[in-house]
Amino acid sequence: MKKTKFMTRVIAVVFALAILFAMSVPALAANTAGENTYKGNANTSVFDTTNNTITLSKSVVFFNADNKTVYEPNITYTYTVSPVTVADSTTITDATPQTVHVKSGVTGVFTNNTDTATIVFSSANQAAASSTGTEKEKTTTIGFVPNNFPAAGVYRYKISESINLTAVTDAGLTARGNDYSADRYLDVYIRNSTAANAQPGDKEMYGAVIFKTTKPTTAQNNEQTSGQDSITTDTEKTTGFEPGGDPSAQGGTQTDYSYENDGTVDRYTTYNVTVTKTVNGSLGDKTHQFPFSFSIANSIAGAQYSYVKGTGTAVNPNPVASGGTSAVNTDYSAALTLADGESFTVYGVPSNQTTGSEVAITVSEKNTTPDTYTVAIVESSNILTPTDATLAANATATQKAATVIKASATKSIDFTNRLDELSPTGLAFRVAPYVLMLAAGVSLIVLFAKRRREVTDMI
């Protein structure tokens, strides 16, 4: 009898634990499953329950060979949210698993009737860059009015990035490949209100999922097939338009991914050049500050780049004019000068992606000493003959050929001035006239004495 009671209690405990476990599994699954593969679970990272908004992100990856801080390109991305018409058989299955039918998106549900939003990158702002690429993310929001939805359910929308390919390359970004997708998809989760004071018909937004398909787009318009969009479980959750991977993921072991080869994200590459000054010769003035000037060609109109002397922290932004040109210190003022052993670096210069012309720099220096120097200009071991190898007082020396700076590493241009010592012959030049006069006088005396002896002998 006691044994029977004991077994009964054991069975009761086991049954109770089984019920508790069964109740806990759906909640656990809803929070942990489907993080990398779309299965219909709401993505809380993009949804704000307080304001009924979704947050949409856009990333640009910045490249610079010397890991310099650069300026952003001038580009505006516009995003439009539009309803997607889905087939009646379209369903979503979550990790419980529970399956519901997806509803076609409806209009008139956006806050202030605004179904568009923008994200702006501007040359007024700086961005970290590196040789392997550094991602910079910006965000925008789109709001919804839950009570404007006709009923509870999951509603599907498409988020389209409205910018043409020409605008991308005009801003200096790398041309997009066929694997770039300008579309994302959005599922909005609406349910009957759970508020204590809810009125009949009140609804609330309790989740949202942004996801992308792995289906490639065409190079012509970056558009996927409209109408009844085919969305399968072969999709990925996302927060917007971000890179297809992360080089630092899995503790830096994700060796099969790099920003350089990621055609699914916009990339902005900038270039650098360093100008150094050398003064040689025993009479060369190594402390004199020689003024420099430089000009940029084939860059991006409206872009910003910088230059800095030595290891200083002062950064001087310089806008690129129309036509992709820019000039600095053309009056050879003290704003940019170098003495022996000093240098300045021009960095963050974007290249003109539209024409394919490589961005280039032309550098000049002015001799503001009273002496005449010889000058040689060397670019990364290549001699670039200046306009005149003799640099007289107040004269300038300029590269005859511009230096292309679109390269994986920073180019270097060295200006070397030389002034050798004179032979110590100045004394001979100062005394020589008097020596000549003395010699002439002696010659006249000798000649006169000789003539006199000849006359005397004749007598």
Protein backbone atom coordinates (compact mmCIF):
# COMPACT_ATOMS: atom_id res chain seq x y z
CA MET A 1 0.00 0.00 0.00
CA LYS A 2 2.78 2.37 0.93
CA LYS A 3 4.60 1.39 -2.22
CA THR A 4 1.53 2.17 -4.29
CA LYS A 5 1.16 5.63 -2.73
CA PHE A 6 4.83 6.33 -3.29
CA MET A 7 4.60 5.41 -6.99
CA THR A 8 1.49 7.52 -7.36
CA ARG A 9 3.30 10.55 -5.97
CA VAL A 10 6.30 9.97 -8.24
CA ILE A 11 4.05 9.76 -11.30
CA ALA A 12 2.29 12.98 -10.25
CA VAL A 13 5.59 14.83 -9.86
CA VAL A 14 6.88 13.61 -13.22
CA PHE A 15 3.62 14.59 -14.90
CA ALA A 16 3.73 18.08 -13.34
CA LEU A 17 7.36 18.57 -14.46
CA ALA A 18 6.46 17.45 -17.98
CA ILE A 19 3.64 20.02 -18.14
CA LEU A 20 5.96 22.80 -16.92
CA PHE A 21 8.62 21.83 -19.43
CA ALA A 22 6.11 21.76 -22.29
CA MET A 23 4.92 25.23 -21.33
CA SER A 24 8.44 26.63 -21.16
CA VAL A 25 9.68 25.29 -24.50
CA PRO A 26 7.65 27.64 -26.77
CA ALA A 27 8.78 30.72 -24.85
CA LEU A 28 12.38 29.58 -24.90
CA ALA A 29 12.24 28.75 -28.59
CA ALA A 30 10.67 32.07 -29.47
CA ASN A 31 13.60 33.93 -27.94
CA THR A 32 16.50 31.81 -29.11
CA ALA A 33 15.67 30.12 -32.38
CA GLY A 34 15.85 31.54 -35.85
CA GLU A 35 18.50 34.20 -35.23
CA ASN A 36 20.24 33.56 -38.56
CA THR A 37 17.44 32.03 -40.60
CA TYR A 38 14.14 33.76 -41.03
CA LYS A 39 11.34 31.78 -39.38
CA GLY A 40 8.86 34.51 -38.60
CA ASN A 41 10.00 35.42 -35.07
CA ALA A 42 9.76 39.11 -34.29
CA ASN A 43 13.07 40.97 -34.45
CA THR A 44 13.12 43.16 -31.35
CA SER A 45 16.32 44.92 -32.43
CA VAL A 46 14.45 46.87 -35.13
CA PHE A 47 11.18 47.49 -33.31
CA ASP A 48 10.29 50.14 -30.70
CA THR A 49 7.06 49.23 -28.90
CA THR A 50 6.79 52.69 -27.34
CA ASN A 51 6.58 54.59 -30.63
CA ASN A 52 5.43 51.79 -32.93
CA THR A 53 8.45 52.40 -35.17
CA ILE A 54 10.97 50.26 -36.95
CA THR A 55 14.62 51.30 -37.17
CA LEU A 56 16.26 50.80 -40.55
CA SER A 57 20.05 50.86 -40.86
CA LYS A 58 22.40 51.64 -43.74
CA SER A 59 26.13 50.91 -43.71
CA VAL A 60 29.01 52.17 -45.82
CA VAL A 61 32.45 50.57 -45.49
CA PHE A 62 35.39 53.00 -45.52
CA PHE A 63 38.86 52.09 -46.82
CA ASN A 64 42.18 53.91 -46.36
CA ALA A 65 45.64 52.36 -46.72
CA ASP A 66 47.00 54.13 -43.62
CA ASN A 67 43.94 53.71 -41.39
CA LYS A 68 43.31 57.47 -41.45
CA THR A 69 40.12 59.19 -40.38
CA VAL A 70 38.47 60.46 -43.57
CA TYR A 71 35.38 62.42 -44.58
CA GLU A 72 32.12 60.79 -45.65
CA PRO A 73 30.93 60.94 -49.25
CA ASN A 74 28.00 63.16 -50.15
CA ILE A 75 25.14 60.77 -50.78
CA THR A 76 21.49 60.54 -49.70
CA TYR A 77 19.66 57.22 -49.55
CA THR A 78 15.86 57.31 -49.78
CA TYR A 79 13.78 54.37 -48.58
CA THR A 80 10.18 53.68 -49.54
CA VAL A 81 7.92 51.15 -47.80
CA SER A 82 5.26 49.66 -50.05
CA PRO A 83 2.70 46.84 -49.60
CA VAL A 84 3.54 43.43 -51.00
CA THR A 85 0.76 41.34 -52.53
CA VAL A 86 1.19 37.79 -51.27
CA ALA A 87 -0.37 34.56 -52.42
CA ASP A 88 -3.11 33.04 -50.29
CA SER A 89 -0.84 30.09 -49.55
CA THR A 90 1.90 32.23 -48.03
CA THR A 91 2.52 31.25 -44.42
CA ILE A 92 4.99 31.84 -41.60
CA THR A 93 6.08 29.15 -39.21
CA ASP A 94 7.86 30.11 -36.02
CA ALA A 95 10.02 27.98 -33.77
CA THR A 96 7.11 26.72 -31.62
CA PRO A 97 6.19 25.64 -34.34
CA GLN A 98 3.05 27.64 -35.05
CA THR A 99 1.91 28.55 -38.56
CA VAL A 100 -0.15 31.56 -39.64
CA HIS A 101 -1.05 33.01 -43.02
CA VAL A 102 0.72 36.18 -44.11
CA LYS A 103 -1.49 39.08 -45.14
CA SER A 104 -0.78 41.46 -48.02
CA GLY A 105 0.41 44.85 -46.82
CA VAL A 106 -2.11 47.70 -46.72
CA THR A 107 -1.78 51.43 -47.22
CA GLY A 108 -2.80 54.21 -44.85
CA VAL A 109 -1.07 52.70 -41.84
CA PHE A 110 2.05 54.89 -41.65
CA THR A 111 2.57 57.61 -39.06
CA ASN A 112 1.70 60.99 -40.60
CA ASN A 113 1.05 59.08 -43.84
CA THR A 114 4.83 58.99 -44.38
CA ASP A 115 6.03 55.84 -46.08
CA THR A 116 9.50 57.20 -46.93
CA ALA A 117 12.64 57.98 -44.95
CA THR A 118 16.19 59.09 -45.73
CA ILE A 119 19.69 58.39 -44.49
CA VAL A 120 22.37 60.96 -45.30
CA PHE A 121 26.14 60.64 -45.48
CA SER A 122 27.83 64.04 -45.75
CA SER A 123 31.36 65.33 -46.29
CA ALA A 124 30.75 67.53 -43.24
CA ASN A 125 31.19 64.40 -41.13
CA GLN A 126 34.22 62.19 -40.53
CA ALA A 127 34.46 58.41 -40.50
CA ALA A 128 37.06 55.92 -39.34
CA ALA A 129 38.71 54.01 -42.18
CA SER A 130 41.21 51.18 -42.48
CA SER A 131 43.11 49.16 -45.05
CA THR A 132 40.71 46.25 -44.64
CA GLY A 133 37.57 48.37 -44.30
CA THR A 134 35.69 49.92 -41.39
CA GLU A 135 31.90 49.88 -41.30
CA LYS A 136 29.91 53.01 -40.41
CA GLU A 137 26.20 52.57 -39.77
CA LYS A 138 23.45 55.19 -39.77
CA THR A 139 19.76 54.70 -39.07
CA THR A 140 16.32 56.10 -39.74
CA THR A 141 12.82 55.22 -38.51
CA ILE A 142 9.42 54.53 -40.02
CA GLY A 143 6.29 54.63 -37.85
CA PHE A 144 2.99 52.76 -37.96
CA VAL A 145 -0.53 53.35 -36.59
CA PRO A 146 -1.77 49.95 -35.32
CA ASN A 147 -5.45 50.87 -35.27
CA ASN A 148 -5.30 51.68 -38.99
CA PHE A 149 -4.73 48.01 -39.82
CA PRO A 150 -8.01 46.27 -40.74
CA ALA A 151 -7.45 43.27 -38.45
CA ALA A 152 -4.87 41.43 -36.41
CA GLY A 153 -2.27 39.48 -38.35
CA VAL A 154 1.17 39.61 -39.98
CA TYR A 155 1.39 42.12 -42.85
CA ARG A 156 4.17 42.08 -45.47
CA TYR A 157 5.90 45.11 -47.01
CA LYS A 158 8.89 45.81 -49.22
CA ILE A 159 11.53 48.41 -48.33
CA SER A 160 13.21 49.76 -51.46
CA GLU A 161 16.41 51.78 -51.55
CA SER A 162 15.77 54.43 -54.19
CA ILE A 163 19.11 55.50 -55.66
CA ASN A 164 20.47 54.82 -59.11
CA LEU A 165 23.87 53.36 -59.86
CA THR A 166 25.18 56.58 -61.38
CA ALA A 167 24.55 58.50 -58.16
CA VAL A 168 26.55 55.89 -56.26
CA THR A 169 29.63 56.17 -58.45
CA ASP A 170 29.27 59.95 -58.77
CA ALA A 171 29.70 60.13 -54.99
CA GLY A 172 32.95 58.16 -55.27
CA LEU A 173 31.68 54.80 -54.04
CA THR A 174 32.75 51.57 -55.70
CA ALA A 175 30.41 50.49 -58.48
CA ARG A 176 27.89 47.94 -57.29
CA GLY A 177 27.92 44.39 -58.56
CA ASN A 178 25.08 42.09 -59.50
CA ASP A 179 24.92 40.75 -55.94
CA TYR A 180 23.80 44.10 -54.49
CA SER A 181 20.13 44.07 -53.53
CA ALA A 182 18.23 47.32 -53.14
CA ASP A 183 15.28 45.55 -51.51
CA ARG A 184 14.49 44.39 -48.01
CA TYR A 185 11.25 42.92 -46.73
CA LEU A 186 9.29 43.78 -43.62
CA ASP A 187 6.69 41.81 -41.70
CA VAL A 188 4.63 43.88 -39.27
CA TYR A 189 3.00 41.98 -36.38
CA ILE A 190 -0.41 43.30 -35.28
CA ARG A 191 -2.61 41.84 -32.54
CA ASN A 192 -5.69 42.81 -30.59
CA SER A 193 -4.81 45.22 -27.84
CA THR A 194 -3.86 43.73 -24.50
CA ALA A 195 -4.19 47.02 -22.60
CA ALA A 196 -6.50 47.01 -19.58
CA ASN A 197 -8.51 49.93 -20.94
CA ALA A 198 -8.60 48.68 -24.53
CA GLN A 199 -11.74 49.37 -26.53
CA PRO A 200 -13.30 46.96 -29.00
CA GLY A 201 -11.28 47.07 -32.23
CA ASP A 202 -8.14 48.46 -30.59
CA LYS A 203 -4.97 46.88 -31.89
CA GLU A 204 -1.29 47.04 -31.04
CA MET A 205 1.94 46.40 -32.90
CA TYR A 206 3.95 43.80 -31.01
CA GLY A 207 6.79 42.94 -33.38
CA ALA A 208 8.52 43.43 -36.71
CA VAL A 209 10.99 41.50 -38.83
CA ILE A 210 13.23 42.95 -41.54
CA PHE A 211 14.76 40.31 -43.77
CA LYS A 212 16.45 39.86 -47.10
CA THR A 213 16.25 37.11 -49.66
CA THR A 214 19.24 35.33 -51.10
CA LYS A 215 17.77 35.67 -54.57
CA PRO A 216 20.16 37.82 -56.67
CA THR A 217 18.97 40.96 -58.39
CA THR A 218 19.63 42.24 -61.88
CA ALA A 219 22.38 44.75 -62.58
CA GLN A 220 20.00 46.99 -64.47
CA ASN A 221 17.71 48.27 -61.76
CA ASN A 222 18.49 46.28 -58.61
CA GLU A 223 14.80 45.39 -58.38
CA GLN A 224 13.29 42.05 -57.50
CA THR A 225 10.13 40.78 -59.11
CA SER A 226 7.19 42.84 -57.94
CA GLY A 227 3.68 41.57 -57.24
CA GLN A 228 3.54 38.24 -55.51
CA ASP A 229 7.07 38.18 -54.09
CA SER A 230 8.41 34.71 -53.48
CA ILE A 231 9.71 34.68 -49.89
CA THR A 232 10.95 31.38 -48.52
CA THR A 233 12.68 30.29 -45.35
CA ASP A 234 15.94 30.77 -47.26
CA THR A 235 16.14 34.33 -45.99
CA GLU A 236 18.11 36.18 -43.36
CA LYS A 237 17.03 38.54 -40.65
CA THR A 238 18.67 41.93 -40.89
CA THR A 239 18.51 45.42 -39.49
CA GLY A 240 18.64 46.99 -42.94
CA PHE A 241 21.30 47.49 -45.59
CA GLU A 242 24.46 46.26 -43.93
CA PRO A 243 27.48 44.15 -45.02
CA GLY A 244 26.98 40.51 -45.79
CA GLY A 245 29.33 39.45 -43.01
CA ASP A 246 31.68 40.57 -40.28
CA PRO A 247 35.45 39.97 -40.50
CA SER A 248 35.71 40.04 -36.69
CA ALA A 249 32.96 37.45 -36.21
CA GLN A 250 33.70 34.20 -34.43
CA GLY A 251 36.74 35.70 -32.73
CA GLY A 252 38.30 36.79 -36.00
CA THR A 253 38.21 33.31 -37.51
CA GLN A 254 35.77 34.14 -40.28
CA THR A 255 38.56 34.04 -42.85
CA ASP A 256 36.25 33.38 -45.78
CA TYR A 257 34.77 36.89 -45.61
CA SER A 258 36.28 40.30 -46.28
CA TYR A 259 34.81 43.75 -46.81
CA GLU A 260 36.94 44.20 -49.94
CA ASN A 261 35.10 41.43 -51.76
CA ASP A 262 31.62 42.11 -50.40
CA GLY A 263 29.52 43.34 -53.30
CA THR A 264 26.39 43.49 -51.14
CA VAL A 265 27.47 46.72 -49.38
CA ASP A 266 28.51 50.19 -50.57
CA ARG A 267 32.28 50.81 -50.25
CA TYR A 268 34.17 54.12 -50.17
CA THR A 269 37.92 54.09 -50.85
CA THR A 270 40.26 57.04 -50.33
CA TYR A 271 43.95 57.55 -51.09
CA ASN A 272 47.00 59.26 -49.56
CA VAL A 273 50.34 60.82 -50.53
CA THR A 274 53.23 62.03 -48.37
CA VAL A 275 55.56 64.86 -49.42
CA THR A 276 58.98 65.01 -47.74
CA LYS A 277 61.71 67.68 -47.77
CA THR A 278 65.49 67.10 -47.82
CA VAL A 279 68.22 69.77 -47.87
CA ASN A 280 71.74 68.64 -48.78
CA GLY A 281 75.08 70.34 -49.31
CA SER A 282 77.43 72.00 -46.86
CA LEU A 283 75.85 75.41 -47.47
CA GLY A 284 72.23 74.23 -47.60
CA ASP A 285 70.00 75.91 -45.02
CA LYS A 286 68.44 73.00 -43.16
CA THR A 287 66.35 75.26 -40.93
CA HIS A 288 64.69 77.28 -43.68
CA GLN A 289 60.97 76.70 -44.20
CA PHE A 290 60.37 76.28 -47.93
CA PRO A 291 56.72 77.01 -48.95
CA PHE A 292 54.85 74.24 -50.79
CA SER A 293 51.72 74.10 -52.91
CA PHE A 294 49.80 71.18 -54.41
CA SER A 295 46.80 70.51 -56.63
CA ILE A 296 44.46 67.53 -56.93
CA ALA A 297 42.90 66.29 -60.18
CA ASN A 298 40.24 63.66 -61.01
CA SER A 299 38.65 63.60 -57.57
CA ILE A 300 34.97 63.99 -56.60
CA ALA A 301 33.29 67.41 -56.65
CA GLY A 302 32.09 68.34 -53.19
CA ALA A 303 34.21 65.73 -51.43
CA GLN A 304 36.51 66.63 -48.54
CA TYR A 305 40.08 65.55 -47.94
CA SER A 306 42.73 66.61 -45.42
CA TYR A 307 46.40 67.37 -45.08
CA VAL A 308 48.54 67.51 -41.98
CA LYS A 309 52.17 68.41 -41.40
CA GLY A 310 54.30 65.80 -39.69
CA THR A 311 52.59 63.97 -36.86
CA GLY A 312 50.51 66.96 -35.89
CA THR A 313 46.89 66.57 -34.94
CA ALA A 314 45.58 69.57 -36.84
CA VAL A 315 43.43 68.45 -39.73
CA ASN A 316 42.61 70.89 -42.49
CA PRO A 317 39.49 70.03 -44.49
CA ASN A 318 39.61 71.01 -48.14
CA PRO A 319 36.65 70.81 -50.50
CA VAL A 320 37.03 69.49 -54.03
CA ALA A 321 35.69 71.93 -56.61
CA SER A 322 33.56 71.14 -59.64
CA GLY A 323 35.51 69.10 -62.13
CA GLY A 324 37.21 67.16 -59.35
CA THR A 325 40.06 69.63 -58.84
CA SER A 326 41.47 71.29 -55.75
CA ALA A 327 44.47 73.51 -55.04
CA VAL A 328 46.17 74.37 -51.73
CA ASN A 329 48.50 77.27 -50.82
CA THR A 330 48.84 78.54 -54.36
CA ASP A 331 50.35 81.81 -53.06
CA TYR A 332 53.14 79.87 -51.32
CA SER A 333 52.39 81.36 -47.94
CA ALA A 334 53.60 80.16 -44.56
CA ALA A 335 50.46 78.03 -44.24
CA LEU A 336 52.30 75.03 -45.69
CA THR A 337 56.11 74.94 -45.39
CA LEU A 338 58.76 72.27 -44.91
CA ALA A 339 62.34 72.34 -43.65
CA ASP A 340 64.90 69.56 -43.94
CA GLY A 341 63.54 66.28 -42.59
CA GLU A 342 59.90 67.45 -42.42
CA SER A 343 56.87 66.18 -44.33
CA PHE A 344 53.16 66.63 -44.86
CA THR A 345 50.57 64.03 -45.81
CA VAL A 346 47.52 64.53 -48.00
CA TYR A 347 44.98 61.85 -47.16
CA GLY A 348 41.41 60.78 -47.65
CA VAL A 349 41.28 61.79 -51.32
CA PRO A 350 38.49 59.95 -53.17
CA SER A 351 38.92 58.86 -56.77
CA ASN A 352 36.59 59.59 -59.65
CA GLN A 353 34.79 56.29 -60.16
CA THR A 354 32.66 57.51 -63.05
CA THR A 355 35.32 58.25 -65.65
CA GLY A 356 37.88 55.76 -64.44
CA SER A 357 40.51 58.50 -64.33
CA GLU A 358 42.95 57.96 -61.52
CA VAL A 359 43.19 60.67 -58.90
CA ALA A 360 46.54 62.49 -59.09
CA ILE A 361 48.51 65.20 -57.30
CA THR A 362 50.99 67.80 -58.56
CA VAL A 363 53.34 69.35 -55.99
CA SER A 364 55.44 72.54 -56.19
CA GLU A 365 57.89 74.32 -53.90
CA LYS A 366 59.25 77.87 -53.86
CA ASN A 367 62.78 78.97 -52.99
CA THR A 368 62.43 81.89 -50.63
CA THR A 369 66.17 82.13 -49.90
CA PRO A 370 68.64 84.49 -51.70
CA ASP A 371 70.69 81.47 -52.85
CA THR A 372 70.38 79.27 -55.91
CA TYR A 373 69.79 75.59 -55.18
CA THR A 374 69.71 72.56 -57.39
CA VAL A 375 66.53 70.52 -56.96
CA ALA A 376 65.52 66.91 -57.63
CA ILE A 377 62.04 65.44 -57.25
CA VAL A 378 61.74 61.71 -56.59
CA GLU A 379 58.49 59.74 -56.34
CA SER A 380 58.83 56.32 -54.76
CA SER A 381 62.29 55.81 -56.36
CA ASN A 382 61.15 57.29 -59.69
CA ILE A 383 62.82 60.57 -60.63
CA LEU A 384 60.36 63.25 -61.73
CA THR A 385 62.33 66.06 -63.38
CA PRO A 386 61.15 69.49 -62.19
CA THR A 387 60.56 72.38 -64.58
CA ASP A 388 64.08 73.64 -63.87
CA ALA A 389 66.82 71.71 -62.06
CA THR A 390 68.26 75.05 -60.92
CA LEU A 391 66.09 76.70 -58.31
CA ALA A 392 67.02 80.35 -58.12
CA ALA A 393 65.85 82.82 -55.49
CA ASN A 394 62.04 83.27 -55.57
CA ALA A 395 61.70 80.59 -58.26
CA THR A 396 59.41 77.55 -58.08
CA ALA A 397 59.98 73.89 -58.92
CA THR A 398 57.03 71.76 -60.05
CA GLN A 399 56.64 68.15 -61.08
CA LYS A 400 56.49 67.78 -64.83
CA ALA A 401 54.22 64.74 -64.43
CA ALA A 402 51.45 64.40 -61.86
CA THR A 403 51.72 61.58 -59.34
CA VAL A 404 48.89 59.06 -59.43
CA ILE A 405 47.92 58.39 -55.83
CA LYS A 406 45.25 55.77 -56.40
CA ALA A 407 47.18 52.86 -54.96
CA SER A 408 46.98 50.32 -52.17
CA ALA A 409 49.77 52.06 -50.27
CA THR A 410 50.62 55.70 -49.62
CA LYS A 411 52.81 57.27 -52.31
CA SER A 412 55.84 59.35 -51.31
CA ILE A 413 57.29 62.37 -53.12
CA ASP A 414 60.64 63.79 -51.99
CA PHE A 415 61.94 67.26 -52.85
CA THR A 416 65.72 67.48 -52.38
CA ASN A 417 67.46 70.86 -52.51
CA ARG A 418 71.26 71.07 -52.63
CA LEU A 419 73.70 73.96 -52.12
CA ASP A 420 77.41 73.05 -52.08
CA GLU A 421 80.24 75.14 -50.66
CA LEU A 422 82.40 77.43 -52.87
CA SER A 423 86.13 77.02 -53.44
CA PRO A 424 88.14 79.48 -51.20
CA THR A 425 89.38 81.56 -54.19
CA GLY A 426 87.87 84.86 -53.30
CA LEU A 427 91.25 86.33 -52.15
CA ALA A 428 92.86 85.75 -55.57
CA PHE A 429 90.06 87.63 -57.30
CA ARG A 430 90.35 90.58 -54.96
CA VAL A 431 94.20 90.91 -55.25
CA ALA A 432 94.56 90.00 -58.93
CA PRO A 433 93.94 93.50 -60.34
CA TYR A 434 96.71 94.97 -58.22
CA VAL A 435 99.11 92.17 -59.09
CA LEU A 436 98.45 92.78 -62.75
CA MET A 437 99.02 96.50 -62.36
CA LEU A 438 102.31 95.83 -60.51
CA ALA A 439 103.43 93.40 -63.18
CA ALA A 440 102.64 95.93 -65.87
CA GLY A 441 104.65 98.58 -64.02
CA VAL A 442 107.65 96.33 -63.62
CA SER A 443 107.49 95.44 -67.29
CA LEU A 444 107.50 99.11 -68.25
CA ILE A 445 110.52 99.81 -65.98
CA VAL A 446 112.47 96.87 -67.46
CA LEU A 447 111.58 97.92 -70.98
CA PHE A 448 112.60 101.54 -70.24
CA ALA A 449 115.92 100.43 -68.70
CA LYS A 450 116.71 98.20 -71.68
CA ARG A 451 115.95 100.97 -74.15
CA ARG A 452 118.14 103.34 -72.22
CA ARG A 453 121.14 100.96 -72.40
CA GLU A 454 120.66 100.58 -76.12
CA VAL A 455 120.74 104.39 -76.56
CA THR A 456 123.82 104.71 -74.37
CA ASP A 457 125.68 102.04 -76.35
CA MET A 458 124.91 103.84 -79.60
CA ILE A 459 126.53 107.02 -78.33
